[in-house]
Amino acid sequence: MIRPSSFANVRQKWASEVKRHYKGAPILLVGSQIDLREDEKTRESLAKSKQRPISEEQGRSLAREIGAVTYAECSAMTQKGLKDVFDEAIIAVVNRAGQVGADKESSLRTCCKAM
């Protein structure tokens, strides 16, 4: 989520889609491709349209705005933060399982979706 267009799509489209189709599922907002934040070509490309890479603080703010349980950042290229993303997803699912109650098994089936 380095590009402002991806950031805007989370707010304008994806958050409501996830909430509508996966009612009650915890949302983990992930800022990916963080290696590109310092990539000169990416920065130049964004600068042409007077944009900058999305900052970690902007990501955290958006996570709060959409009601995400947490925000994490990662880079598949460098693997920075990758384990943290999966750890946070596991924590969100385990915490959700503790809240499910009697119908635990069926509720967990729709609890975790990776997009």
PDB file of N, CA and C in Angstrom:
ATOM      1  N   MET A   1       0.839  -1.180   0.000  1.00  0.00           N
ATOM      2  CA  MET A   1       0.000   0.000   0.000  1.00  0.00           C
ATOM      3  C   MET A   1       0.884   1.245   0.000  1.00  0.00           C
ATOM      4  N   ILE A   2       1.759   1.297  -0.923  1.00  0.00           N
ATOM      5  CA  ILE A   2       2.653   2.441  -1.060  1.00  0.00           C
ATOM      6  C   ILE A   2       1.984   3.537  -1.884  1.00  0.00           C
ATOM      7  N   ARG A   3       1.182   3.114  -2.850  1.00  0.00           N
ATOM      8  CA  ARG A   3       0.562   4.070  -3.763  1.00  0.00           C
ATOM      9  C   ARG A   3      -0.718   4.678  -3.171  1.00  0.00           C
ATOM     10  N   PRO A   4      -0.857   5.985  -3.286  1.00  0.00           N
ATOM     11  CA  PRO A   4      -2.062   6.652  -2.777  1.00  0.00           C
ATOM     12  C   PRO A   4      -3.363   6.084  -3.354  1.00  0.00           C
ATOM     13  N   SER A   5      -3.346   5.598  -4.589  1.00  0.00           N
ATOM     14  CA  SER A   5      -4.567   5.035  -5.176  1.00  0.00           C
ATOM     15  C   SER A   5      -5.000   3.772  -4.425  1.00  0.00           C
ATOM     16  N   SER A   6      -4.061   2.941  -4.020  1.00  0.00           N
ATOM     17  CA  SER A   6      -4.393   1.745  -3.231  1.00  0.00           C
ATOM     18  C   SER A   6      -4.950   2.145  -1.873  1.00  0.00           C
ATOM     19  N   PHE A   7      -4.339   3.138  -1.275  1.00  0.00           N
ATOM     20  CA  PHE A   7      -4.771   3.664   0.016  1.00  0.00           C
ATOM     21  C   PHE A   7      -6.219   4.147  -0.080  1.00  0.00           C
ATOM     22  N   ALA A   8      -6.524   4.905  -1.113  1.00  0.00           N
ATOM     23  CA  ALA A   8      -7.880   5.426  -1.310  1.00  0.00           C
ATOM     24  C   ALA A   8      -8.878   4.296  -1.529  1.00  0.00           C
ATOM     25  N   ASN A   9      -8.470   3.255  -2.257  1.00  0.00           N
ATOM     26  CA  ASN A   9      -9.368   2.128  -2.517  1.00  0.00           C
ATOM     27  C   ASN A   9      -9.748   1.387  -1.243  1.00  0.00           C
ATOM     28  N   VAL A  10      -8.843   1.324  -0.278  1.00  0.00           N
ATOM     29  CA  VAL A  10      -9.177   0.686   1.000  1.00  0.00           C
ATOM     30  C   VAL A  10     -10.350   1.424   1.625  1.00  0.00           C
ATOM     31  N   ARG A  11     -10.257   2.721   1.674  1.00  0.00           N
ATOM     32  CA  ARG A  11     -11.292   3.555   2.300  1.00  0.00           C
ATOM     33  C   ARG A  11     -12.589   3.537   1.478  1.00  0.00           C
ATOM     34  N   GLN A  12     -12.471   3.695   0.171  1.00  0.00           N
ATOM     35  CA  GLN A  12     -13.644   3.883  -0.675  1.00  0.00           C
ATOM     36  C   GLN A  12     -14.329   2.591  -1.092  1.00  0.00           C
ATOM     37  N   LYS A  13     -13.592   1.475  -1.084  1.00  0.00           N
ATOM     38  CA  LYS A  13     -14.178   0.249  -1.608  1.00  0.00           C
ATOM     39  C   LYS A  13     -13.967  -0.969  -0.720  1.00  0.00           C
ATOM     40  N   TRP A  14     -12.716  -1.316  -0.458  1.00  0.00           N
ATOM     41  CA  TRP A  14     -12.421  -2.623   0.132  1.00  0.00           C
ATOM     42  C   TRP A  14     -12.917  -2.796   1.558  1.00  0.00           C
ATOM     43  N   ALA A  15     -12.810  -1.787   2.383  1.00  0.00           N
ATOM     44  CA  ALA A  15     -13.248  -1.933   3.779  1.00  0.00           C
ATOM     45  C   ALA A  15     -14.733  -2.282   3.853  1.00  0.00           C
ATOM     46  N   SER A  16     -15.554  -1.569   3.109  1.00  0.00           N
ATOM     47  CA  SER A  16     -16.995  -1.845   3.150  1.00  0.00           C
ATOM     48  C   SER A  16     -17.325  -3.199   2.525  1.00  0.00           C
ATOM     49  N   GLU A  17     -16.596  -3.589   1.483  1.00  0.00           N
ATOM     50  CA  GLU A  17     -16.804  -4.905   0.857  1.00  0.00           C
ATOM     51  C   GLU A  17     -16.528  -6.028   1.854  1.00  0.00           C
ATOM     52  N   VAL A  18     -15.404  -5.929   2.547  1.00  0.00           N
ATOM     53  CA  VAL A  18     -15.038  -6.957   3.524  1.00  0.00           C
ATOM     54  C   VAL A  18     -16.070  -7.006   4.642  1.00  0.00           C
ATOM     55  N   LYS A  19     -16.464  -5.855   5.143  1.00  0.00           N
ATOM     56  CA  LYS A  19     -17.447  -5.816   6.230  1.00  0.00           C
ATOM     57  C   LYS A  19     -18.795  -6.385   5.802  1.00  0.00           C
ATOM     58  N   ARG A  20     -19.171  -6.153   4.556  1.00  0.00           N
ATOM     59  CA  ARG A  20     -20.453  -6.654   4.064  1.00  0.00           C
ATOM     60  C   ARG A  20     -20.425  -8.170   3.862  1.00  0.00           C
ATOM     61  N   HIS A  21     -19.355  -8.686   3.283  1.00  0.00           N
ATOM     62  CA  HIS A  21     -19.297 -10.110   2.951  1.00  0.00           C
ATOM     63  C   HIS A  21     -18.792 -10.995   4.084  1.00  0.00           C
ATOM     64  N   TYR A  22     -18.073 -10.429   5.040  1.00  0.00           N
ATOM     65  CA  TYR A  22     -17.496 -11.210   6.143  1.00  0.00           C
ATOM     66  C   TYR A  22     -17.839 -10.543   7.465  1.00  0.00           C
ATOM     67  N   LYS A  23     -19.140 -10.445   7.726  1.00  0.00           N
ATOM     68  CA  LYS A  23     -19.624  -9.762   8.929  1.00  0.00           C
ATOM     69  C   LYS A  23     -18.942 -10.304  10.184  1.00  0.00           C
ATOM     70  N   GLY A  24     -18.402  -9.395  10.974  1.00  0.00           N
ATOM     71  CA  GLY A  24     -17.796  -9.779  12.240  1.00  0.00           C
ATOM     72  C   GLY A  24     -16.365 -10.273  12.164  1.00  0.00           C
ATOM     73  N   ALA A  25     -15.858 -10.476  10.961  1.00  0.00           N
ATOM     74  CA  ALA A  25     -14.470 -10.946  10.832  1.00  0.00           C
ATOM     75  C   ALA A  25     -13.519  -9.802  11.188  1.00  0.00           C
ATOM     76  N   PRO A  26     -12.467 -10.108  11.930  1.00  0.00           N
ATOM     77  CA  PRO A  26     -11.502  -9.049  12.245  1.00  0.00           C
ATOM     78  C   PRO A  26     -10.761  -8.616  10.982  1.00  0.00           C
ATOM     79  N   ILE A  27     -10.510  -7.338  10.861  1.00  0.00           N
ATOM     80  CA  ILE A  27      -9.791  -6.805   9.705  1.00  0.00           C
ATOM     81  C   ILE A  27      -8.378  -6.445  10.132  1.00  0.00           C
ATOM     82  N   LEU A  28      -7.426  -6.944   9.389  1.00  0.00           N
ATOM     83  CA  LEU A  28      -6.016  -6.611   9.580  1.00  0.00           C
ATOM     84  C   LEU A  28      -5.589  -5.856   8.331  1.00  0.00           C
ATOM     85  N   LEU A  29      -5.272  -4.582   8.470  1.00  0.00           N
ATOM     86  CA  LEU A  29      -4.831  -3.789   7.324  1.00  0.00           C
ATOM     87  C   LEU A  29      -3.327  -3.958   7.175  1.00  0.00           C
ATOM     88  N   VAL A  30      -2.899  -4.339   5.967  1.00  0.00           N
ATOM     89  CA  VAL A  30      -1.479  -4.589   5.712  1.00  0.00           C
ATOM     90  C   VAL A  30      -0.969  -3.637   4.641  1.00  0.00           C
ATOM     91  N   GLY A  31       0.056  -2.901   4.995  1.00  0.00           N
ATOM     92  CA  GLY A  31       0.761  -2.060   4.033  1.00  0.00           C
ATOM     93  C   GLY A  31       1.866  -2.902   3.420  1.00  0.00           C
ATOM     94  N   SER A  32       1.724  -3.221   2.157  1.00  0.00           N
ATOM     95  CA  SER A  32       2.705  -4.097   1.500  1.00  0.00           C
ATOM     96  C   SER A  32       3.682  -3.278   0.652  1.00  0.00           C
ATOM     97  N   GLN A  33       4.658  -3.947   0.139  1.00  0.00           N
ATOM     98  CA  GLN A  33       5.679  -3.350  -0.732  1.00  0.00           C
ATOM     99  C   GLN A  33       6.400  -2.179  -0.065  1.00  0.00           C
ATOM    100  N   ILE A  34       6.659  -2.292   1.236  1.00  0.00           N
ATOM    101  CA  ILE A  34       7.298  -1.172   1.931  1.00  0.00           C
ATOM    102  C   ILE A  34       8.719  -0.924   1.444  1.00  0.00           C
ATOM    103  N   ASP A  35       9.304  -1.906   0.766  1.00  0.00           N
ATOM    104  CA  ASP A  35      10.636  -1.697   0.187  1.00  0.00           C
ATOM    105  C   ASP A  35      10.597  -0.599  -0.874  1.00  0.00           C
ATOM    106  N   LEU A  36       9.431  -0.399  -1.489  1.00  0.00           N
ATOM    107  CA  LEU A  36       9.305   0.615  -2.539  1.00  0.00           C
ATOM    108  C   LEU A  36       9.192   2.029  -1.983  1.00  0.00           C
ATOM    109  N   ARG A  37       8.983   2.146  -0.692  1.00  0.00           N
ATOM    110  CA  ARG A  37       8.863   3.472  -0.076  1.00  0.00           C
ATOM    111  C   ARG A  37      10.124   4.300  -0.305  1.00  0.00           C
ATOM    112  N   GLU A  38      11.269   3.638  -0.323  1.00  0.00           N
ATOM    113  CA  GLU A  38      12.549   4.325  -0.529  1.00  0.00           C
ATOM    114  C   GLU A  38      13.120   4.103  -1.932  1.00  0.00           C
ATOM    115  N   ASP A  39      12.370   3.414  -2.780  1.00  0.00           N
ATOM    116  CA  ASP A  39      12.828   3.133  -4.139  1.00  0.00           C
ATOM    117  C   ASP A  39      12.751   4.403  -4.990  1.00  0.00           C
ATOM    118  N   GLU A  40      13.867   4.777  -5.574  1.00  0.00           N
ATOM    119  CA  GLU A  40      13.946   6.035  -6.325  1.00  0.00           C
ATOM    120  C   GLU A  40      12.978   6.071  -7.510  1.00  0.00           C
ATOM    121  N   LYS A  41      12.871   4.973  -8.257  1.00  0.00           N
ATOM    122  CA  LYS A  41      11.964   4.950  -9.415  1.00  0.00           C
ATOM    123  C   LYS A  41      10.507   5.118  -8.978  1.00  0.00           C
ATOM    124  N   THR A  42      10.155   4.466  -7.897  1.00  0.00           N
ATOM    125  CA  THR A  42       8.788   4.588  -7.383  1.00  0.00           C
ATOM    126  C   THR A  42       8.517   6.016  -6.933  1.00  0.00           C
ATOM    127  N   ARG A  43       9.460   6.591  -6.214  1.00  0.00           N
ATOM    128  CA  ARG A  43       9.298   7.968  -5.731  1.00  0.00           C
ATOM    129  C   ARG A  43       9.187   8.952  -6.902  1.00  0.00           C
ATOM    130  N   GLU A  44      10.010   8.750  -7.939  1.00  0.00           N
ATOM    131  CA  GLU A  44       9.956   9.616  -9.122  1.00  0.00           C
ATOM    132  C   GLU A  44       8.613   9.478  -9.834  1.00  0.00           C
ATOM    133  N   SER A  45       8.154   8.236  -9.967  1.00  0.00           N
ATOM    134  CA  SER A  45       6.876   7.987 -10.628  1.00  0.00           C
ATOM    135  C   SER A  45       5.729   8.678  -9.882  1.00  0.00           C
ATOM    136  N   LEU A  46       5.728   8.560  -8.575  1.00  0.00           N
ATOM    137  CA  LEU A  46       4.689   9.212  -7.779  1.00  0.00           C
ATOM    138  C   LEU A  46       4.814  10.734  -7.836  1.00  0.00           C
ATOM    139  N   ALA A  47       6.038  11.221  -7.834  1.00  0.00           N
ATOM    140  CA  ALA A  47       6.274  12.674  -7.858  1.00  0.00           C
ATOM    141  C   ALA A  47       5.720  13.316  -9.126  1.00  0.00           C
ATOM    142  N   LYS A  48       5.705  12.565 -10.227  1.00  0.00           N
ATOM    143  CA  LYS A  48       5.168  13.100 -11.480  1.00  0.00           C
ATOM    144  C   LYS A  48       3.711  13.524 -11.335  1.00  0.00           C
ATOM    145  N   SER A  49       2.993  12.848 -10.455  1.00  0.00           N
ATOM    146  CA  SER A  49       1.590  13.219 -10.216  1.00  0.00           C
ATOM    147  C   SER A  49       1.423  13.872  -8.833  1.00  0.00           C
ATOM    148  N   LYS A  50       2.529  14.443  -8.348  1.00  0.00           N
ATOM    149  CA  LYS A  50       2.544  15.178  -7.072  1.00  0.00           C
ATOM    150  C   LYS A  50       2.072  14.320  -5.903  1.00  0.00           C
ATOM    151  N   GLN A  51       2.533  13.079  -5.885  1.00  0.00           N
ATOM    152  CA  GLN A  51       2.189  12.153  -4.813  1.00  0.00           C
ATOM    153  C   GLN A  51       3.458  11.667  -4.126  1.00  0.00           C
ATOM    154  N   ARG A  52       3.278  11.093  -2.950  1.00  0.00           N
ATOM    155  CA  ARG A  52       4.376  10.485  -2.200  1.00  0.00           C
ATOM    156  C   ARG A  52       3.925   9.114  -1.726  1.00  0.00           C
ATOM    157  N   PRO A  53       4.869   8.229  -1.405  1.00  0.00           N
ATOM    158  CA  PRO A  53       4.475   6.933  -0.836  1.00  0.00           C
ATOM    159  C   PRO A  53       3.693   7.135   0.464  1.00  0.00           C
ATOM    160  N   ILE A  54       2.796   6.228   0.736  1.00  0.00           N
ATOM    161  CA  ILE A  54       2.007   6.274   1.961  1.00  0.00           C
ATOM    162  C   ILE A  54       2.926   5.977   3.148  1.00  0.00           C
ATOM    163  N   SER A  55       2.825   6.780   4.185  1.00  0.00           N
ATOM    164  CA  SER A  55       3.668   6.593   5.372  1.00  0.00           C
ATOM    165  C   SER A  55       3.049   5.556   6.316  1.00  0.00           C
ATOM    166  N   GLU A  56       3.868   5.070   7.228  1.00  0.00           N
ATOM    167  CA  GLU A  56       3.365   4.130   8.231  1.00  0.00           C
ATOM    168  C   GLU A  56       2.267   4.791   9.068  1.00  0.00           C
ATOM    169  N   GLU A  57       2.449   6.030   9.433  1.00  0.00           N
ATOM    170  CA  GLU A  57       1.435   6.726  10.237  1.00  0.00           C
ATOM    171  C   GLU A  57       0.115   6.857   9.471  1.00  0.00           C
ATOM    172  N   GLN A  58       0.178   7.121   8.164  1.00  0.00           N
ATOM    173  CA  GLN A  58      -1.055   7.183   7.365  1.00  0.00           C
ATOM    174  C   GLN A  58      -1.750   5.822   7.367  1.00  0.00           C
ATOM    175  N   GLY A  59      -0.973   4.755   7.261  1.00  0.00           N
ATOM    176  CA  GLY A  59      -1.539   3.407   7.302  1.00  0.00           C
ATOM    177  C   GLY A  59      -2.211   3.121   8.634  1.00  0.00           C
ATOM    178  N   ARG A  60      -1.543   3.481   9.723  1.00  0.00           N
ATOM    179  CA  ARG A  60      -2.111   3.269  11.066  1.00  0.00           C
ATOM    180  C   ARG A  60      -3.400   4.080  11.246  1.00  0.00           C
ATOM    181  N   SER A  61      -3.399   5.285  10.739  1.00  0.00           N
ATOM    182  CA  SER A  61      -4.582   6.142  10.832  1.00  0.00           C
ATOM    183  C   SER A  61      -5.753   5.534  10.059  1.00  0.00           C
ATOM    184  N   LEU A  62      -5.487   5.040   8.865  1.00  0.00           N
ATOM    185  CA  LEU A  62      -6.540   4.412   8.066  1.00  0.00           C
ATOM    186  C   LEU A  62      -7.058   3.152   8.757  1.00  0.00           C
ATOM    187  N   ALA A  63      -6.168   2.384   9.355  1.00  0.00           N
ATOM    188  CA  ALA A  63      -6.592   1.177  10.078  1.00  0.00           C
ATOM    189  C   ALA A  63      -7.581   1.547  11.189  1.00  0.00           C
ATOM    190  N   ARG A  64      -7.279   2.592  11.931  1.00  0.00           N
ATOM    191  CA  ARG A  64      -8.199   3.049  12.986  1.00  0.00           C
ATOM    192  C   ARG A  64      -9.536   3.493  12.378  1.00  0.00           C
ATOM    193  N   GLU A  65      -9.447   4.225  11.273  1.00  0.00           N
ATOM    194  CA  GLU A  65     -10.652   4.752  10.621  1.00  0.00           C
ATOM    195  C   GLU A  65     -11.597   3.646  10.170  1.00  0.00           C
ATOM    196  N   ILE A  66     -11.057   2.564   9.627  1.00  0.00           N
ATOM    197  CA  ILE A  66     -11.908   1.483   9.110  1.00  0.00           C
ATOM    198  C   ILE A  66     -12.235   0.431  10.169  1.00  0.00           C
ATOM    199  N   GLY A  67     -11.695   0.609  11.367  1.00  0.00           N
ATOM    200  CA  GLY A  67     -11.988  -0.335  12.445  1.00  0.00           C
ATOM    201  C   GLY A  67     -11.182  -1.616  12.381  1.00  0.00           C
ATOM    202  N   ALA A  68     -10.007  -1.560  11.778  1.00  0.00           N
ATOM    203  CA  ALA A  68      -9.139  -2.740  11.718  1.00  0.00           C
ATOM    204  C   ALA A  68      -8.611  -3.053  13.115  1.00  0.00           C
ATOM    205  N   VAL A  69      -8.372  -4.333  13.385  1.00  0.00           N
ATOM    206  CA  VAL A  69      -7.844  -4.709  14.696  1.00  0.00           C
ATOM    207  C   VAL A  69      -6.394  -4.272  14.851  1.00  0.00           C
ATOM    208  N   THR A  70      -5.688  -4.165  13.741  1.00  0.00           N
ATOM    209  CA  THR A  70      -4.304  -3.699  13.778  1.00  0.00           C
ATOM    210  C   THR A  70      -3.835  -3.327  12.379  1.00  0.00           C
ATOM    211  N   TYR A  71      -2.659  -2.760  12.325  1.00  0.00           N
ATOM    212  CA  TYR A  71      -2.008  -2.408  11.063  1.00  0.00           C
ATOM    213  C   TYR A  71      -0.609  -3.002  11.097  1.00  0.00           C
ATOM    214  N   ALA A  72      -0.211  -3.600  10.000  1.00  0.00           N
ATOM    215  CA  ALA A  72       1.135  -4.158   9.889  1.00  0.00           C
ATOM    216  C   ALA A  72       1.681  -3.810   8.513  1.00  0.00           C
ATOM    217  N   GLU A  73       2.995  -3.764   8.410  1.00  0.00           N
ATOM    218  CA  GLU A  73       3.644  -3.483   7.130  1.00  0.00           C
ATOM    219  C   GLU A  73       4.616  -4.603   6.809  1.00  0.00           C
ATOM    220  N   CYS A  74       4.793  -4.835   5.503  1.00  0.00           N
ATOM    221  CA  CYS A  74       5.736  -5.871   5.102  1.00  0.00           C
ATOM    222  C   CYS A  74       6.240  -5.641   3.683  1.00  0.00           C
ATOM    223  N   SER A  75       7.270  -6.391   3.370  1.00  0.00           N
ATOM    224  CA  SER A  75       7.808  -6.441   2.018  1.00  0.00           C
ATOM    225  C   SER A  75       8.055  -7.903   1.676  1.00  0.00           C
ATOM    226  N   ALA A  76       7.376  -8.403   0.664  1.00  0.00           N
ATOM    227  CA  ALA A  76       7.632  -9.769   0.215  1.00  0.00           C
ATOM    228  C   ALA A  76       9.028  -9.860  -0.396  1.00  0.00           C
ATOM    229  N   MET A  77       9.476  -8.776  -1.001  1.00  0.00           N
ATOM    230  CA  MET A  77      10.793  -8.748  -1.645  1.00  0.00           C
ATOM    231  C   MET A  77      11.914  -8.929  -0.621  1.00  0.00           C
ATOM    232  N   THR A  78      11.883  -8.152   0.446  1.00  0.00           N
ATOM    233  CA  THR A  78      12.953  -8.215   1.455  1.00  0.00           C
ATOM    234  C   THR A  78      12.572  -9.088   2.645  1.00  0.00           C
ATOM    235  N   GLN A  79      11.322  -9.473   2.722  1.00  0.00           N
ATOM    236  CA  GLN A  79      10.724 -10.244   3.812  1.00  0.00           C
ATOM    237  C   GLN A  79      10.634  -9.462   5.126  1.00  0.00           C
ATOM    238  N   LYS A  80      10.929  -8.188   5.090  1.00  0.00           N
ATOM    239  CA  LYS A  80      10.802  -7.359   6.287  1.00  0.00           C
ATOM    240  C   LYS A  80       9.333  -7.306   6.718  1.00  0.00           C
ATOM    241  N   GLY A  81       9.085  -7.612   7.976  1.00  0.00           N
ATOM    242  CA  GLY A  81       7.741  -7.543   8.534  1.00  0.00           C
ATOM    243  C   GLY A  81       6.812  -8.667   8.126  1.00  0.00           C
ATOM    244  N   LEU A  82       7.256  -9.565   7.267  1.00  0.00           N
ATOM    245  CA  LEU A  82       6.385 -10.618   6.747  1.00  0.00           C
ATOM    246  C   LEU A  82       5.884 -11.544   7.856  1.00  0.00           C
ATOM    247  N   LYS A  83       6.773 -11.978   8.717  1.00  0.00           N
ATOM    248  CA  LYS A  83       6.372 -12.843   9.830  1.00  0.00           C
ATOM    249  C   LYS A  83       5.391 -12.116  10.742  1.00  0.00           C
ATOM    250  N   ASP A  84       5.620 -10.840  10.964  1.00  0.00           N
ATOM    251  CA  ASP A  84       4.726 -10.056  11.825  1.00  0.00           C
ATOM    252  C   ASP A  84       3.301 -10.029  11.283  1.00  0.00           C
ATOM    253  N   VAL A  85       3.160  -9.942   9.964  1.00  0.00           N
ATOM    254  CA  VAL A  85       1.823  -9.934   9.353  1.00  0.00           C
ATOM    255  C   VAL A  85       1.089 -11.226   9.693  1.00  0.00           C
ATOM    256  N   PHE A  86       1.769 -12.355   9.520  1.00  0.00           N
ATOM    257  CA  PHE A  86       1.123 -13.638   9.807  1.00  0.00           C
ATOM    258  C   PHE A  86       0.873 -13.814  11.301  1.00  0.00           C
ATOM    259  N   ASP A  87       1.798 -13.361  12.129  1.00  0.00           N
ATOM    260  CA  ASP A  87       1.591 -13.422  13.579  1.00  0.00           C
ATOM    261  C   ASP A  87       0.366 -12.611  13.982  1.00  0.00           C
ATOM    262  N   GLU A  88       0.224 -11.416  13.433  1.00  0.00           N
ATOM    263  CA  GLU A  88      -0.926 -10.563  13.752  1.00  0.00           C
ATOM    264  C   GLU A  88      -2.233 -11.192  13.269  1.00  0.00           C
ATOM    265  N   ALA A  89      -2.200 -11.836  12.106  1.00  0.00           N
ATOM    266  CA  ALA A  89      -3.399 -12.507  11.589  1.00  0.00           C
ATOM    267  C   ALA A  89      -3.804 -13.657  12.512  1.00  0.00           C
ATOM    268  N   ILE A  90      -2.830 -14.424  12.970  1.00  0.00           N
ATOM    269  CA  ILE A  90      -3.116 -15.534  13.884  1.00  0.00           C
ATOM    270  C   ILE A  90      -3.709 -15.004  15.186  1.00  0.00           C
ATOM    271  N   ILE A  91      -3.118 -13.952  15.719  1.00  0.00           N
ATOM    272  CA  ILE A  91      -3.629 -13.358  16.960  1.00  0.00           C
ATOM    273  C   ILE A  91      -5.072 -12.889  16.776  1.00  0.00           C
ATOM    274  N   ALA A  92      -5.368 -12.258  15.653  1.00  0.00           N
ATOM    275  CA  ALA A  92      -6.731 -11.776  15.391  1.00  0.00           C
ATOM    276  C   ALA A  92      -7.722 -12.933  15.342  1.00  0.00           C
ATOM    277  N   VAL A  93      -7.342 -14.035  14.699  1.00  0.00           N
ATOM    278  CA  VAL A  93      -8.232 -15.194  14.595  1.00  0.00           C
ATOM    279  C   VAL A  93      -8.418 -15.850  15.957  1.00  0.00           C
ATOM    280  N   VAL A  94      -7.333 -16.014  16.702  1.00  0.00           N
ATOM    281  CA  VAL A  94      -7.427 -16.631  18.028  1.00  0.00           C
ATOM    282  C   VAL A  94      -8.289 -15.772  18.954  1.00  0.00           C
ATOM    283  N   ASN A  95      -8.087 -14.471  18.930  1.00  0.00           N
ATOM    284  CA  ASN A  95      -8.912 -13.578  19.750  1.00  0.00           C
ATOM    285  C   ASN A  95     -10.375 -13.661  19.351  1.00  0.00           C
ATOM    286  N   ARG A  96     -10.631 -13.736  18.067  1.00  0.00           N
ATOM    287  CA  ARG A  96     -12.002 -13.857  17.565  1.00  0.00           C
ATOM    288  C   ARG A  96     -12.611 -15.171  18.029  1.00  0.00           C
ATOM    289  N   ALA A  97     -11.828 -16.248  18.005  1.00  0.00           N
ATOM    290  CA  ALA A  97     -12.325 -17.559  18.423  1.00  0.00           C
ATOM    291  C   ALA A  97     -12.769 -17.525  19.881  1.00  0.00           C
ATOM    292  N   GLY A  98     -12.073 -16.773  20.696  1.00  0.00           N
ATOM    293  CA  GLY A  98     -12.437 -16.653  22.099  1.00  0.00           C
ATOM    294  C   GLY A  98     -13.741 -15.912  22.312  1.00  0.00           C
ATOM    295  N   GLN A  99     -14.159 -15.126  21.328  1.00  0.00           N
ATOM    296  CA  GLN A  99     -15.381 -14.329  21.438  1.00  0.00           C
ATOM    297  C   GLN A  99     -16.586 -14.993  20.781  1.00  0.00           C
ATOM    298  N   VAL A 100     -16.350 -16.052  20.035  1.00  0.00           N
ATOM    299  CA  VAL A 100     -17.406 -16.632  19.201  1.00  0.00           C
ATOM    300  C   VAL A 100     -18.518 -17.269  20.013  1.00  0.00           C
ATOM    301  N   GLY A 101     -18.189 -18.022  21.039  1.00  0.00           N
ATOM    302  CA  GLY A 101     -19.213 -18.643  21.872  1.00  0.00           C
ATOM    303  C   GLY A 101     -19.614 -20.018  21.379  1.00  0.00           C
ATOM    304  N   ALA A 102     -20.895 -20.347  21.505  1.00  0.00           N
ATOM    305  CA  ALA A 102     -21.383 -21.694  21.237  1.00  0.00           C
ATOM    306  C   ALA A 102     -21.222 -22.120  19.788  1.00  0.00           C
ATOM    307  N   ASP A 103     -21.394 -21.213  18.862  1.00  0.00           N
ATOM    308  CA  ASP A 103     -21.314 -21.560  17.441  1.00  0.00           C
ATOM    309  C   ASP A 103     -19.912 -21.314  16.908  1.00  0.00           C
ATOM    310  N   LYS A 104     -18.922 -21.637  17.687  1.00  0.00           N
ATOM    311  CA  LYS A 104     -17.524 -21.336  17.376  1.00  0.00           C
ATOM    312  C   LYS A 104     -17.088 -21.882  16.020  1.00  0.00           C
ATOM    313  N   GLU A 105     -17.367 -23.141  15.745  1.00  0.00           N
ATOM    314  CA  GLU A 105     -16.829 -23.770  14.537  1.00  0.00           C
ATOM    315  C   GLU A 105     -17.331 -23.115  13.259  1.00  0.00           C
ATOM    316  N   SER A 106     -18.628 -22.877  13.141  1.00  0.00           N
ATOM    317  CA  SER A 106     -19.151 -22.283  11.905  1.00  0.00           C
ATOM    318  C   SER A 106     -18.712 -20.831  11.759  1.00  0.00           C
ATOM    319  N   SER A 107     -18.589 -20.114  12.851  1.00  0.00           N
ATOM    320  CA  SER A 107     -18.161 -18.718  12.780  1.00  0.00           C
ATOM    321  C   SER A 107     -16.721 -18.590  12.340  1.00  0.00           C
ATOM    322  N   LEU A 108     -15.890 -19.533  12.735  1.00  0.00           N
ATOM    323  CA  LEU A 108     -14.477 -19.459  12.374  1.00  0.00           C
ATOM    324  C   LEU A 108     -14.245 -19.681  10.888  1.00  0.00           C
ATOM    325  N   ARG A 109     -15.164 -20.346  10.222  1.00  0.00           N
ATOM    326  CA  ARG A 109     -14.982 -20.597   8.792  1.00  0.00           C
ATOM    327  C   ARG A 109     -14.911 -19.305   7.989  1.00  0.00           C
ATOM    328  N   THR A 110     -15.595 -18.268   8.423  1.00  0.00           N
ATOM    329  CA  THR A 110     -15.586 -17.003   7.684  1.00  0.00           C
ATOM    330  C   THR A 110     -14.743 -15.943   8.376  1.00  0.00           C
ATOM    331  N   CYS A 111     -13.960 -16.366   9.337  1.00  0.00           N
ATOM    332  CA  CYS A 111     -13.236 -15.410  10.168  1.00  0.00           C
ATOM    333  C   CYS A 111     -11.976 -14.860   9.520  1.00  0.00           C
ATOM    334  N   CYS A 112     -11.337 -15.600   8.654  1.00  0.00           N
ATOM    335  CA  CYS A 112     -10.045 -15.153   8.130  1.00  0.00           C
ATOM    336  C   CYS A 112     -10.003 -15.317   6.618  1.00  0.00           C
ATOM    337  N   LYS A 113      -9.892 -14.226   5.906  1.00  0.00           N
ATOM    338  CA  LYS A 113      -9.768 -14.241   4.453  1.00  0.00           C
ATOM    339  C   LYS A 113      -8.597 -13.355   4.081  1.00  0.00           C
ATOM    340  N   ALA A 114      -7.709 -13.862   3.248  1.00  0.00           N
ATOM    341  CA  ALA A 114      -6.573 -13.062   2.780  1.00  0.00           C
ATOM    342  C   ALA A 114      -6.894 -12.553   1.387  1.00  0.00           C
ATOM    343  N   MET A 115      -6.703 -11.254   1.179  1.00  0.00           N
ATOM    344  CA  MET A 115      -7.002 -10.665  -0.130  1.00  0.00           C
ATOM    345  C   MET A 115      -5.774  -9.971  -0.637  1.00  0.00           C
TER     346      MET A 115
END
